[in-house]
Protein backbone atom coordinates (compact mmCIF):
# COMPACT_ATOMS: atom_id res chain seq x y z
CA MET A 1 -52.62 37.40 -68.49
CA ALA A 2 -52.52 38.76 -72.01
CA ASP A 3 -50.36 36.21 -73.81
CA PRO A 4 -51.00 33.56 -74.59
CA GLU A 5 -47.47 31.85 -75.02
CA TYR A 6 -43.80 31.85 -73.59
CA GLY A 7 -44.35 35.19 -72.38
CA TRP A 8 -47.01 34.77 -69.46
CA THR A 9 -44.64 33.99 -66.88
CA VAL A 10 -42.56 37.00 -66.96
CA GLU A 11 -46.04 39.17 -67.63
CA MET A 12 -47.90 37.61 -64.66
CA GLN A 13 -44.34 38.78 -62.27
CA ILE A 14 -44.57 42.33 -63.71
CA LYS A 15 -47.81 42.73 -63.10
CA ALA A 16 -47.71 41.41 -59.45
CA SER A 17 -44.57 43.66 -59.00
CA LYS A 18 -46.50 46.96 -60.00
CA GLN A 19 -49.05 46.15 -57.55
CA ASP A 20 -46.32 45.44 -54.94
CA LEU A 21 -47.29 42.16 -54.00
CA ARG A 22 -44.85 39.83 -52.31
CA CYS A 23 -44.21 36.24 -54.25
CA LEU A 24 -42.59 32.91 -52.69
CA GLU A 25 -41.04 30.99 -54.61
CA VAL A 26 -41.95 27.38 -53.94
CA PRO A 27 -39.71 24.24 -54.43
CA VAL A 28 -42.41 21.32 -56.05
CA SER A 29 -40.99 17.98 -56.61
CA TYR A 30 -41.60 16.38 -60.35
CA LEU A 31 -41.05 13.82 -62.46
CA LYS A 32 -39.04 14.04 -65.49
CA ARG A 33 -40.65 14.74 -68.44
CA ILE A 34 -40.08 11.81 -71.25
CA GLY A 35 -38.69 13.11 -74.55
CA LYS A 36 -37.06 16.02 -76.22
CA SER A 37 -38.01 19.41 -75.64
CA LYS A 38 -39.70 21.35 -78.82
CA ILE A 39 -38.83 24.61 -77.32
CA SER A 40 -35.19 23.89 -75.37
CA GLY A 41 -34.45 21.19 -77.75
CA THR A 42 -34.04 23.48 -80.55
CA ILE A 43 -32.20 26.63 -81.19
CA ARG A 44 -35.18 28.18 -83.29
CA GLY A 45 -37.48 27.21 -80.09
CA VAL A 46 -35.25 28.73 -77.88
CA VAL A 47 -34.70 31.70 -79.72
CA GLY A 48 -38.29 32.13 -80.45
CA ALA A 49 -38.97 31.77 -76.78
CA GLY A 50 -36.53 33.90 -75.54
CA ALA A 51 -37.87 36.60 -78.29
CA LYS A 52 -41.10 36.02 -76.89
CA ILE A 53 -40.31 36.88 -73.57
CA LEU A 54 -37.76 39.60 -74.33
CA HIS A 55 -40.39 41.71 -75.87
CA THR A 56 -42.75 41.04 -73.10
CA ILE A 57 -40.64 42.41 -70.90
CA PHE A 58 -39.93 45.56 -73.19
CA SER A 59 -43.38 46.39 -73.48
CA ALA A 60 -43.75 46.41 -69.98
CA ALA A 61 -40.89 48.91 -69.69
CA LEU A 62 -42.26 51.37 -72.48
CA GLU A 63 -45.72 51.23 -70.70
CA VAL A 64 -43.66 52.51 -67.43
CA PHE A 65 -41.87 55.66 -69.70
CA LEU A 66 -45.58 56.19 -71.89
């Protein structure tokens, strides 16, 4: 994945879709994290991560049309 931050998961899904790979969601158990999230715990974090993810999606969409 080229994106080292928040867009890598979307990038991975887009690349898998382009290659017609089958994807499966697998439930996992995990312990609840202690403390407050730096991303979902602040408006700046939510907006920043959301913008990065949307940028990744729109960049992939532009590649289709160019």
